[in-house]
Amino acid sequence: MKLADKPVDRKQLEHFDVEFSDEMRSLTAELEVHAEALKNGRRLVDIELPESTLVVMVRRGDNYFVPKGQTQLLEGDKLLILADTEAAIKETQQNLCPPKKTHQK
């Protein structure tokens, strides 16, 4: 079997029409931006992200684009995240989709 004939097993993400090889060591996730995440500013650079995390693409409605640090994020934007560890994905999720605070009486 030639290398070119070898079937490639890929993972596909739900909102992004992107496929990654299972051989890729980094992890990917799709995360939605919630209003609480924008409290310190709307620019991507204002969002606290782990050092090993990269926002690869933004989906806003039917539009897709590669963000820069100065990109203004909106509530409901979907971000394609690339990270080295599951812990980095979880931390990013907590920063973008923080749990709702409950008030105790």
PDB file of N, CA and C in Angstrom:
ATOM      1  N   MET A   1       0.843  -1.166   0.000  1.00  0.00           N
ATOM      2  CA  MET A   1       0.000   0.000   0.000  1.00  0.00           C
ATOM      3  C   MET A   1       0.895   1.238   0.000  1.00  0.00           C
ATOM      4  N   LYS A   2       0.669   2.137  -0.938  1.00  0.00           N
ATOM      5  CA  LYS A   2       1.405   3.386  -0.992  1.00  0.00           C
ATOM      6  C   LYS A   2       0.859   4.336   0.063  1.00  0.00           C
ATOM      7  N   LEU A   3       1.688   5.265   0.466  1.00  0.00           N
ATOM      8  CA  LEU A   3       1.268   6.251   1.457  1.00  0.00           C
ATOM      9  C   LEU A   3       0.052   7.025   0.967  1.00  0.00           C
ATOM     10  N   ALA A   4       0.006   7.358  -0.310  1.00  0.00           N
ATOM     11  CA  ALA A   4      -1.118   8.119  -0.859  1.00  0.00           C
ATOM     12  C   ALA A   4      -2.406   7.306  -0.856  1.00  0.00           C
ATOM     13  N   ASP A   5      -2.296   5.970  -0.841  1.00  0.00           N
ATOM     14  CA  ASP A   5      -3.481   5.113  -0.851  1.00  0.00           C
ATOM     15  C   ASP A   5      -4.050   4.879   0.548  1.00  0.00           C
ATOM     16  N   LYS A   6      -3.286   5.248   1.563  1.00  0.00           N
ATOM     17  CA  LYS A   6      -3.721   4.996   2.933  1.00  0.00           C
ATOM     18  C   LYS A   6      -4.926   5.878   3.270  1.00  0.00           C
ATOM     19  N   PRO A   7      -6.018   5.284   3.757  1.00  0.00           N
ATOM     20  CA  PRO A   7      -7.176   6.104   4.111  1.00  0.00           C
ATOM     21  C   PRO A   7      -6.851   6.985   5.311  1.00  0.00           C
ATOM     22  N   VAL A   8      -7.322   8.202   5.259  1.00  0.00           N
ATOM     23  CA  VAL A   8      -7.072   9.150   6.336  1.00  0.00           C
ATOM     24  C   VAL A   8      -8.315   9.232   7.203  1.00  0.00           C
ATOM     25  N   ASP A   9      -8.155   8.934   8.483  1.00  0.00           N
ATOM     26  CA  ASP A   9      -9.250   9.024   9.436  1.00  0.00           C
ATOM     27  C   ASP A   9      -9.219  10.424  10.027  1.00  0.00           C
ATOM     28  N   ARG A  10     -10.280  11.192   9.844  1.00  0.00           N
ATOM     29  CA  ARG A  10     -10.289  12.581  10.299  1.00  0.00           C
ATOM     30  C   ARG A  10     -11.466  12.840  11.212  1.00  0.00           C
ATOM     31  N   LYS A  11     -11.288  13.844  12.089  1.00  0.00           N
ATOM     32  CA  LYS A  11     -12.362  14.304  12.960  1.00  0.00           C
ATOM     33  C   LYS A  11     -12.939  15.569  12.331  1.00  0.00           C
ATOM     34  N   GLN A  12     -14.251  15.710  12.329  1.00  0.00           N
ATOM     35  CA  GLN A  12     -14.863  16.912  11.785  1.00  0.00           C
ATOM     36  C   GLN A  12     -15.571  17.659  12.904  1.00  0.00           C
ATOM     37  N   LEU A  13     -15.445  18.969  12.887  1.00  0.00           N
ATOM     38  CA  LEU A  13     -16.080  19.810  13.884  1.00  0.00           C
ATOM     39  C   LEU A  13     -17.481  20.182  13.419  1.00  0.00           C
ATOM     40  N   GLU A  14     -18.356  20.475  14.362  1.00  0.00           N
ATOM     41  CA  GLU A  14     -19.771  20.691  14.068  1.00  0.00           C
ATOM     42  C   GLU A  14     -20.054  21.964  13.271  1.00  0.00           C
ATOM     43  N   HIS A  15     -19.614  23.129  13.756  1.00  0.00           N
ATOM     44  CA  HIS A  15     -19.966  24.391  13.119  1.00  0.00           C
ATOM     45  C   HIS A  15     -18.941  24.846  12.091  1.00  0.00           C
ATOM     46  N   PHE A  16     -17.762  24.297  12.134  1.00  0.00           N
ATOM     47  CA  PHE A  16     -16.713  24.654  11.199  1.00  0.00           C
ATOM     48  C   PHE A  16     -16.505  23.472  10.271  1.00  0.00           C
ATOM     49  N   ASP A  17     -16.489  23.733   8.987  1.00  0.00           N
ATOM     50  CA  ASP A  17     -16.310  22.667   8.009  1.00  0.00           C
ATOM     51  C   ASP A  17     -14.812  22.412   7.841  1.00  0.00           C
ATOM     52  N   VAL A  18     -14.189  21.975   8.925  1.00  0.00           N
ATOM     53  CA  VAL A  18     -12.750  21.747   8.973  1.00  0.00           C
ATOM     54  C   VAL A  18     -12.517  20.342   9.489  1.00  0.00           C
ATOM     55  N   GLU A  19     -11.591  19.642   8.875  1.00  0.00           N
ATOM     56  CA  GLU A  19     -11.254  18.299   9.333  1.00  0.00           C
ATOM     57  C   GLU A  19      -9.795  18.277   9.767  1.00  0.00           C
ATOM     58  N   PHE A  20      -9.525  17.547  10.837  1.00  0.00           N
ATOM     59  CA  PHE A  20      -8.162  17.391  11.331  1.00  0.00           C
ATOM     60  C   PHE A  20      -7.828  15.910  11.392  1.00  0.00           C
ATOM     61  N   SER A  21      -6.597  15.597  11.082  1.00  0.00           N
ATOM     62  CA  SER A  21      -6.125  14.222  11.156  1.00  0.00           C
ATOM     63  C   SER A  21      -6.058  13.780  12.611  1.00  0.00           C
ATOM     64  N   ASP A  22      -6.336  12.515  12.858  1.00  0.00           N
ATOM     65  CA  ASP A  22      -6.208  11.963  14.205  1.00  0.00           C
ATOM     66  C   ASP A  22      -4.755  11.991  14.680  1.00  0.00           C
ATOM     67  N   GLU A  23      -3.827  12.139  13.750  1.00  0.00           N
ATOM     68  CA  GLU A  23      -2.409  12.174  14.099  1.00  0.00           C
ATOM     69  C   GLU A  23      -1.992  13.520  14.687  1.00  0.00           C
ATOM     70  N   MET A  24      -2.837  14.524  14.532  1.00  0.00           N
ATOM     71  CA  MET A  24      -2.530  15.839  15.079  1.00  0.00           C
ATOM     72  C   MET A  24      -2.552  15.768  16.605  1.00  0.00           C
ATOM     73  N   ARG A  25      -1.528  16.248  17.244  1.00  0.00           N
ATOM     74  CA  ARG A  25      -1.400  16.136  18.696  1.00  0.00           C
ATOM     75  C   ARG A  25      -2.188  17.209  19.449  1.00  0.00           C
ATOM     76  N   SER A  26      -2.465  18.321  18.819  1.00  0.00           N
ATOM     77  CA  SER A  26      -3.227  19.380  19.473  1.00  0.00           C
ATOM     78  C   SER A  26      -4.700  19.012  19.538  1.00  0.00           C
ATOM     79  N   LEU A  27      -5.404  19.628  20.474  1.00  0.00           N
ATOM     80  CA  LEU A  27      -6.839  19.404  20.637  1.00  0.00           C
ATOM     81  C   LEU A  27      -7.597  20.581  20.047  1.00  0.00           C
ATOM     82  N   THR A  28      -8.795  20.318  19.554  1.00  0.00           N
ATOM     83  CA  THR A  28      -9.633  21.384  19.019  1.00  0.00           C
ATOM     84  C   THR A  28     -10.955  21.417  19.764  1.00  0.00           C
ATOM     85  N   ALA A  29     -11.554  22.594  19.776  1.00  0.00           N
ATOM     86  CA  ALA A  29     -12.866  22.747  20.396  1.00  0.00           C
ATOM     87  C   ALA A  29     -13.572  23.923  19.746  1.00  0.00           C
ATOM     88  N   GLU A  30     -14.890  23.861  19.753  1.00  0.00           N
ATOM     89  CA  GLU A  30     -15.721  24.976  19.318  1.00  0.00           C
ATOM     90  C   GLU A  30     -16.374  25.553  20.557  1.00  0.00           C
ATOM     91  N   LEU A  31     -16.157  26.835  20.793  1.00  0.00           N
ATOM     92  CA  LEU A  31     -16.717  27.468  21.974  1.00  0.00           C
ATOM     93  C   LEU A  31     -17.462  28.735  21.578  1.00  0.00           C
ATOM     94  N   GLU A  32     -18.565  28.979  22.252  1.00  0.00           N
ATOM     95  CA  GLU A  32     -19.374  30.164  21.979  1.00  0.00           C
ATOM     96  C   GLU A  32     -19.039  31.259  22.985  1.00  0.00           C
ATOM     97  N   VAL A  33     -18.967  32.487  22.499  1.00  0.00           N
ATOM     98  CA  VAL A  33     -18.677  33.630  23.355  1.00  0.00           C
ATOM     99  C   VAL A  33     -19.966  34.071  24.050  1.00  0.00           C
ATOM    100  N   HIS A  34     -19.926  34.134  25.377  1.00  0.00           N
ATOM    101  CA  HIS A  34     -21.061  34.610  26.168  1.00  0.00           C
ATOM    102  C   HIS A  34     -20.788  36.043  26.613  1.00  0.00           C
ATOM    103  N   ALA A  35     -21.834  36.787  26.925  1.00  0.00           N
ATOM    104  CA  ALA A  35     -21.718  38.199  27.302  1.00  0.00           C
ATOM    105  C   ALA A  35     -20.758  38.402  28.465  1.00  0.00           C
ATOM    106  N   GLU A  36     -20.789  37.518  29.444  1.00  0.00           N
ATOM    107  CA  GLU A  36     -19.932  37.641  30.626  1.00  0.00           C
ATOM    108  C   GLU A  36     -18.447  37.639  30.248  1.00  0.00           C
ATOM    109  N   ALA A  37     -18.095  36.953  29.176  1.00  0.00           N
ATOM    110  CA  ALA A  37     -16.696  36.883  28.747  1.00  0.00           C
ATOM    111  C   ALA A  37     -16.197  38.223  28.210  1.00  0.00           C
ATOM    112  N   LEU A  38     -17.120  39.109  27.848  1.00  0.00           N
ATOM    113  CA  LEU A  38     -16.754  40.390  27.242  1.00  0.00           C
ATOM    114  C   LEU A  38     -16.693  41.526  28.257  1.00  0.00           C
ATOM    115  N   LYS A  39     -16.807  41.211  29.537  1.00  0.00           N
ATOM    116  CA  LYS A  39     -16.868  42.249  30.579  1.00  0.00           C
ATOM    117  C   LYS A  39     -15.587  43.074  30.677  1.00  0.00           C
ATOM    118  N   ASN A  40     -14.446  42.510  30.293  1.00  0.00           N
ATOM    119  CA  ASN A  40     -13.165  43.231  30.343  1.00  0.00           C
ATOM    120  C   ASN A  40     -12.783  43.848  29.007  1.00  0.00           C
ATOM    121  N   GLY A  41     -13.660  43.748  28.022  1.00  0.00           N
ATOM    122  CA  GLY A  41     -13.401  44.286  26.691  1.00  0.00           C
ATOM    123  C   GLY A  41     -13.850  43.303  25.631  1.00  0.00           C
ATOM    124  N   ARG A  42     -14.090  43.805  24.442  1.00  0.00           N
ATOM    125  CA  ARG A  42     -14.619  42.974  23.365  1.00  0.00           C
ATOM    126  C   ARG A  42     -13.550  42.450  22.409  1.00  0.00           C
ATOM    127  N   ARG A  43     -12.329  42.945  22.528  1.00  0.00           N
ATOM    128  CA  ARG A  43     -11.277  42.492  21.615  1.00  0.00           C
ATOM    129  C   ARG A  43     -10.772  41.113  22.036  1.00  0.00           C
ATOM    130  N   LEU A  44     -10.336  40.343  21.079  1.00  0.00           N
ATOM    131  CA  LEU A  44      -9.795  39.012  21.374  1.00  0.00           C
ATOM    132  C   LEU A  44      -8.666  39.109  22.394  1.00  0.00           C
ATOM    133  N   VAL A  45      -7.841  40.113  22.284  1.00  0.00           N
ATOM    134  CA  VAL A  45      -6.716  40.285  23.204  1.00  0.00           C
ATOM    135  C   VAL A  45      -7.190  40.539  24.642  1.00  0.00           C
ATOM    136  N   ASP A  46      -8.427  40.987  24.826  1.00  0.00           N
ATOM    137  CA  ASP A  46      -8.978  41.241  26.163  1.00  0.00           C
ATOM    138  C   ASP A  46      -9.459  39.973  26.859  1.00  0.00           C
ATOM    139  N   ILE A  47      -9.614  38.888  26.121  1.00  0.00           N
ATOM    140  CA  ILE A  47     -10.097  37.624  26.676  1.00  0.00           C
ATOM    141  C   ILE A  47      -8.910  36.863  27.270  1.00  0.00           C
ATOM    142  N   GLU A  48      -9.066  36.384  28.484  1.00  0.00           N
ATOM    143  CA  GLU A  48      -7.990  35.609  29.114  1.00  0.00           C
ATOM    144  C   GLU A  48      -7.969  34.204  28.529  1.00  0.00           C
ATOM    145  N   LEU A  49      -6.847  33.873  27.892  1.00  0.00           N
ATOM    146  CA  LEU A  49      -6.665  32.549  27.301  1.00  0.00           C
ATOM    147  C   LEU A  49      -5.370  31.945  27.831  1.00  0.00           C
ATOM    148  N   PRO A  50      -5.353  30.634  28.032  1.00  0.00           N
ATOM    149  CA  PRO A  50      -4.102  29.981  28.432  1.00  0.00           C
ATOM    150  C   PRO A  50      -3.030  30.196  27.365  1.00  0.00           C
ATOM    151  N   GLU A  51      -1.785  30.173  27.783  1.00  0.00           N
ATOM    152  CA  GLU A  51      -0.671  30.422  26.872  1.00  0.00           C
ATOM    153  C   GLU A  51      -0.642  29.438  25.701  1.00  0.00           C
ATOM    154  N   SER A  52      -1.056  28.216  25.927  1.00  0.00           N
ATOM    155  CA  SER A  52      -0.982  27.181  24.884  1.00  0.00           C
ATOM    156  C   SER A  52      -2.253  27.105  24.036  1.00  0.00           C
ATOM    157  N   THR A  53      -3.019  28.198  23.997  1.00  0.00           N
ATOM    158  CA  THR A  53      -4.300  28.208  23.284  1.00  0.00           C
ATOM    159  C   THR A  53      -4.269  29.218  22.146  1.00  0.00           C
ATOM    160  N   LEU A  54      -4.849  28.831  21.016  1.00  0.00           N
ATOM    161  CA  LEU A  54      -4.904  29.696  19.845  1.00  0.00           C
ATOM    162  C   LEU A  54      -6.331  29.715  19.307  1.00  0.00           C
ATOM    163  N   VAL A  55      -6.854  30.908  19.030  1.00  0.00           N
ATOM    164  CA  VAL A  55      -8.150  31.030  18.360  1.00  0.00           C
ATOM    165  C   VAL A  55      -7.847  31.049  16.868  1.00  0.00           C
ATOM    166  N   VAL A  56      -8.236  29.986  16.179  1.00  0.00           N
ATOM    167  CA  VAL A  56      -7.884  29.795  14.780  1.00  0.00           C
ATOM    168  C   VAL A  56      -8.871  30.490  13.846  1.00  0.00           C
ATOM    169  N   MET A  57     -10.167  30.452  14.201  1.00  0.00           N
ATOM    170  CA  MET A  57     -11.193  30.982  13.317  1.00  0.00           C
ATOM    171  C   MET A  57     -12.395  31.420  14.142  1.00  0.00           C
ATOM    172  N   VAL A  58     -13.131  32.396  13.601  1.00  0.00           N
ATOM    173  CA  VAL A  58     -14.365  32.867  14.219  1.00  0.00           C
ATOM    174  C   VAL A  58     -15.495  32.662  13.224  1.00  0.00           C
ATOM    175  N   ARG A  59     -16.621  32.167  13.737  1.00  0.00           N
ATOM    176  CA  ARG A  59     -17.837  32.086  12.926  1.00  0.00           C
ATOM    177  C   ARG A  59     -18.822  33.083  13.517  1.00  0.00           C
ATOM    178  N   ARG A  60     -19.245  34.020  12.694  1.00  0.00           N
ATOM    179  CA  ARG A  60     -20.237  35.017  13.086  1.00  0.00           C
ATOM    180  C   ARG A  60     -21.363  34.930  12.062  1.00  0.00           C
ATOM    181  N   GLY A  61     -22.480  34.331  12.491  1.00  0.00           N
ATOM    182  CA  GLY A  61     -23.567  34.094  11.538  1.00  0.00           C
ATOM    183  C   GLY A  61     -23.094  33.119  10.483  1.00  0.00           C
ATOM    184  N   ASP A  62     -23.161  33.531   9.214  1.00  0.00           N
ATOM    185  CA  ASP A  62     -22.709  32.687   8.106  1.00  0.00           C
ATOM    186  C   ASP A  62     -21.300  33.043   7.643  1.00  0.00           C
ATOM    187  N   ASN A  63     -20.640  33.953   8.346  1.00  0.00           N
ATOM    188  CA  ASN A  63     -19.307  34.401   7.953  1.00  0.00           C
ATOM    189  C   ASN A  63     -18.233  33.761   8.826  1.00  0.00           C
ATOM    190  N   TYR A  64     -17.111  33.440   8.195  1.00  0.00           N
ATOM    191  CA  TYR A  64     -15.952  32.858   8.867  1.00  0.00           C
ATOM    192  C   TYR A  64     -14.748  33.753   8.598  1.00  0.00           C
ATOM    193  N   PHE A  65     -13.924  33.962   9.617  1.00  0.00           N
ATOM    194  CA  PHE A  65     -12.715  34.748   9.407  1.00  0.00           C
ATOM    195  C   PHE A  65     -11.659  34.379  10.441  1.00  0.00           C
ATOM    196  N   VAL A  66     -10.404  34.669  10.087  1.00  0.00           N
ATOM    197  CA  VAL A  66      -9.277  34.436  10.987  1.00  0.00           C
ATOM    198  C   VAL A  66      -9.111  35.700  11.829  1.00  0.00           C
ATOM    199  N   PRO A  67      -9.179  35.566  13.158  1.00  0.00           N
ATOM    200  CA  PRO A  67      -9.112  36.757  14.007  1.00  0.00           C
ATOM    201  C   PRO A  67      -7.680  37.212  14.281  1.00  0.00           C
ATOM    202  N   LYS A  68      -7.574  38.467  14.653  1.00  0.00           N
ATOM    203  CA  LYS A  68      -6.318  39.039  15.137  1.00  0.00           C
ATOM    204  C   LYS A  68      -6.573  39.499  16.563  1.00  0.00           C
ATOM    205  N   GLY A  69      -5.572  39.925  17.263  1.00  0.00           N
ATOM    206  CA  GLY A  69      -5.730  40.373  18.639  1.00  0.00           C
ATOM    207  C   GLY A  69      -6.726  41.510  18.790  1.00  0.00           C
ATOM    208  N   GLN A  70      -6.810  42.378  17.790  1.00  0.00           N
ATOM    209  CA  GLN A  70      -7.706  43.533  17.851  1.00  0.00           C
ATOM    210  C   GLN A  70      -9.121  43.228  17.359  1.00  0.00           C
ATOM    211  N   THR A  71      -9.380  41.988  16.938  1.00  0.00           N
ATOM    212  CA  THR A  71     -10.712  41.608  16.459  1.00  0.00           C
ATOM    213  C   THR A  71     -11.739  41.802  17.568  1.00  0.00           C
ATOM    214  N   GLN A  72     -12.828  42.494  17.239  1.00  0.00           N
ATOM    215  CA  GLN A  72     -13.931  42.697  18.182  1.00  0.00           C
ATOM    216  C   GLN A  72     -14.798  41.441  18.186  1.00  0.00           C
ATOM    217  N   LEU A  73     -15.002  40.871  19.363  1.00  0.00           N
ATOM    218  CA  LEU A  73     -15.852  39.693  19.503  1.00  0.00           C
ATOM    219  C   LEU A  73     -17.251  40.129  19.901  1.00  0.00           C
ATOM    220  N   LEU A  74     -18.229  39.341  19.488  1.00  0.00           N
ATOM    221  CA  LEU A  74     -19.622  39.596  19.826  1.00  0.00           C
ATOM    222  C   LEU A  74     -20.193  38.399  20.560  1.00  0.00           C
ATOM    223  N   GLU A  75     -21.156  38.664  21.413  1.00  0.00           N
ATOM    224  CA  GLU A  75     -21.857  37.567  22.076  1.00  0.00           C
ATOM    225  C   GLU A  75     -22.444  36.658  21.000  1.00  0.00           C
ATOM    226  N   GLY A  76     -22.254  35.362  21.152  1.00  0.00           N
ATOM    227  CA  GLY A  76     -22.762  34.395  20.181  1.00  0.00           C
ATOM    228  C   GLY A  76     -21.756  33.982  19.120  1.00  0.00           C
ATOM    229  N   ASP A  77     -20.633  34.707  19.005  1.00  0.00           N
ATOM    230  CA  ASP A  77     -19.587  34.265  18.077  1.00  0.00           C
ATOM    231  C   ASP A  77     -19.149  32.862  18.475  1.00  0.00           C
ATOM    232  N   LYS A  78     -18.843  32.044  17.493  1.00  0.00           N
ATOM    233  CA  LYS A  78     -18.320  30.705  17.752  1.00  0.00           C
ATOM    234  C   LYS A  78     -16.844  30.712  17.371  1.00  0.00           C
ATOM    235  N   LEU A  79     -16.014  30.235  18.290  1.00  0.00           N
ATOM    236  CA  LEU A  79     -14.573  30.248  18.082  1.00  0.00           C
ATOM    237  C   LEU A  79     -14.046  28.837  17.899  1.00  0.00           C
ATOM    238  N   LEU A  80     -13.183  28.664  16.920  1.00  0.00           N
ATOM    239  CA  LEU A  80     -12.471  27.404  16.736  1.00  0.00           C
ATOM    240  C   LEU A  80     -11.161  27.543  17.503  1.00  0.00           C
ATOM    241  N   ILE A  81     -11.007  26.717  18.540  1.00  0.00           N
ATOM    242  CA  ILE A  81      -9.874  26.795  19.457  1.00  0.00           C
ATOM    243  C   ILE A  81      -8.926  25.626  19.213  1.00  0.00           C
ATOM    244  N   LEU A  82      -7.641  25.901  19.243  1.00  0.00           N
ATOM    245  CA  LEU A  82      -6.596  24.884  19.149  1.00  0.00           C
ATOM    246  C   LEU A  82      -5.760  25.005  20.423  1.00  0.00           C
ATOM    247  N   ALA A  83      -5.564  23.891  21.133  1.00  0.00           N
ATOM    248  CA  ALA A  83      -4.819  23.926  22.396  1.00  0.00           C
ATOM    249  C   ALA A  83      -3.988  22.664  22.549  1.00  0.00           C
ATOM    250  N   ASP A  84      -2.988  22.754  23.413  1.00  0.00           N
ATOM    251  CA  ASP A  84      -2.097  21.618  23.644  1.00  0.00           C
ATOM    252  C   ASP A  84      -2.657  20.597  24.623  1.00  0.00           C
ATOM    253  N   THR A  85      -3.533  21.046  25.534  1.00  0.00           N
ATOM    254  CA  THR A  85      -4.018  20.140  26.576  1.00  0.00           C
ATOM    255  C   THR A  85      -5.518  20.298  26.800  1.00  0.00           C
ATOM    256  N   GLU A  86      -6.103  19.268  27.371  1.00  0.00           N
ATOM    257  CA  GLU A  86      -7.517  19.307  27.745  1.00  0.00           C
ATOM    258  C   GLU A  86      -7.747  20.379  28.808  1.00  0.00           C
ATOM    259  N   ALA A  87      -6.782  20.551  29.700  1.00  0.00           N
ATOM    260  CA  ALA A  87      -6.903  21.577  30.746  1.00  0.00           C
ATOM    261  C   ALA A  87      -6.988  22.975  30.131  1.00  0.00           C
ATOM    262  N   ALA A  88      -6.228  23.224  29.078  1.00  0.00           N
ATOM    263  CA  ALA A  88      -6.269  24.524  28.407  1.00  0.00           C
ATOM    264  C   ALA A  88      -7.621  24.745  27.743  1.00  0.00           C
ATOM    265  N   ILE A  89      -8.193  23.688  27.162  1.00  0.00           N
ATOM    266  CA  ILE A  89      -9.532  23.782  26.561  1.00  0.00           C
ATOM    267  C   ILE A  89     -10.551  24.116  27.645  1.00  0.00           C
ATOM    268  N   LYS A  90     -10.479  23.436  28.778  1.00  0.00           N
ATOM    269  CA  LYS A  90     -11.437  23.672  29.868  1.00  0.00           C
ATOM    270  C   LYS A  90     -11.312  25.085  30.420  1.00  0.00           C
ATOM    271  N   GLU A  91     -10.087  25.560  30.586  1.00  0.00           N
ATOM    272  CA  GLU A  91      -9.886  26.925  31.086  1.00  0.00           C
ATOM    273  C   GLU A  91     -10.443  27.949  30.099  1.00  0.00           C
ATOM    274  N   THR A  92     -10.211  27.723  28.815  1.00  0.00           N
ATOM    275  CA  THR A  92     -10.741  28.615  27.789  1.00  0.00           C
ATOM    276  C   THR A  92     -12.260  28.610  27.817  1.00  0.00           C
ATOM    277  N   GLN A  93     -12.843  27.430  27.966  1.00  0.00           N
ATOM    278  CA  GLN A  93     -14.300  27.326  28.037  1.00  0.00           C
ATOM    279  C   GLN A  93     -14.835  28.106  29.239  1.00  0.00           C
ATOM    280  N   GLN A  94     -14.168  28.008  30.372  1.00  0.00           N
ATOM    281  CA  GLN A  94     -14.602  28.746  31.561  1.00  0.00           C
ATOM    282  C   GLN A  94     -14.504  30.255  31.343  1.00  0.00           C
ATOM    283  N   ASN A  95     -13.499  30.700  30.612  1.00  0.00           N
ATOM    284  CA  ASN A  95     -13.334  32.130  30.349  1.00  0.00           C
ATOM    285  C   ASN A  95     -14.349  32.655  29.340  1.00  0.00           C
ATOM    286  N   LEU A  96     -14.726  31.829  28.367  1.00  0.00           N
ATOM    287  CA  LEU A  96     -15.675  32.259  27.337  1.00  0.00           C
ATOM    288  C   LEU A  96     -17.124  32.002  27.720  1.00  0.00           C
ATOM    289  N   CYS A  97     -17.358  30.962  28.494  1.00  0.00           N
ATOM    290  CA  CYS A  97     -18.711  30.547  28.868  1.00  0.00           C
ATOM    291  C   CYS A  97     -18.767  30.366  30.377  1.00  0.00           C
ATOM    292  N   PRO A  98     -18.554  31.434  31.145  1.00  0.00           N
ATOM    293  CA  PRO A  98     -18.517  31.263  32.600  1.00  0.00           C
ATOM    294  C   PRO A  98     -19.850  30.781  33.147  1.00  0.00           C
ATOM    295  N   PRO A  99     -19.805  29.977  34.210  1.00  0.00           N
ATOM    296  CA  PRO A  99     -21.062  29.517  34.806  1.00  0.00           C
ATOM    297  C   PRO A  99     -21.822  30.702  35.388  1.00  0.00           C
ATOM    298  N   LYS A 100     -23.132  30.614  35.331  1.00  0.00           N
ATOM    299  CA  LYS A 100     -23.960  31.698  35.863  1.00  0.00           C
ATOM    300  C   LYS A 100     -23.858  31.710  37.374  1.00  0.00           C
ATOM    301  N   LYS A 101     -23.704  32.898  37.913  1.00  0.00           N
ATOM    302  CA  LYS A 101     -23.605  33.053  39.360  1.00  0.00           C
ATOM    303  C   LYS A 101     -24.999  33.012  39.964  1.00  0.00           C
ATOM    304  N   THR A 102     -25.114  32.325  41.077  1.00  0.00           N
ATOM    305  CA  THR A 102     -26.393  32.279  41.783  1.00  0.00           C
ATOM    306  C   THR A 102     -26.266  33.099  43.054  1.00  0.00           C
ATOM    307  N   HIS A 103     -27.304  33.812  43.365  1.00  0.00           N
ATOM    308  CA  HIS A 103     -27.314  34.639  44.571  1.00  0.00           C
ATOM    309  C   HIS A 103     -28.010  33.880  45.677  1.00  0.00           C
ATOM    310  N   GLN A 104     -27.355  33.808  46.813  1.00  0.00           N
ATOM    311  CA  GLN A 104     -27.951  33.134  47.960  1.00  0.00           C
ATOM    312  C   GLN A 104     -28.565  34.173  48.884  1.00  0.00           C
ATOM    313  N   LYS A 105     -29.676  33.818  49.499  1.00  0.00           N
ATOM    314  CA  LYS A 105     -30.358  34.732  50.421  1.00  0.00           C
ATOM    315  C   LYS A 105     -29.909  34.508  51.826  1.00  0.00           C
TER     316      LYS A 105
END
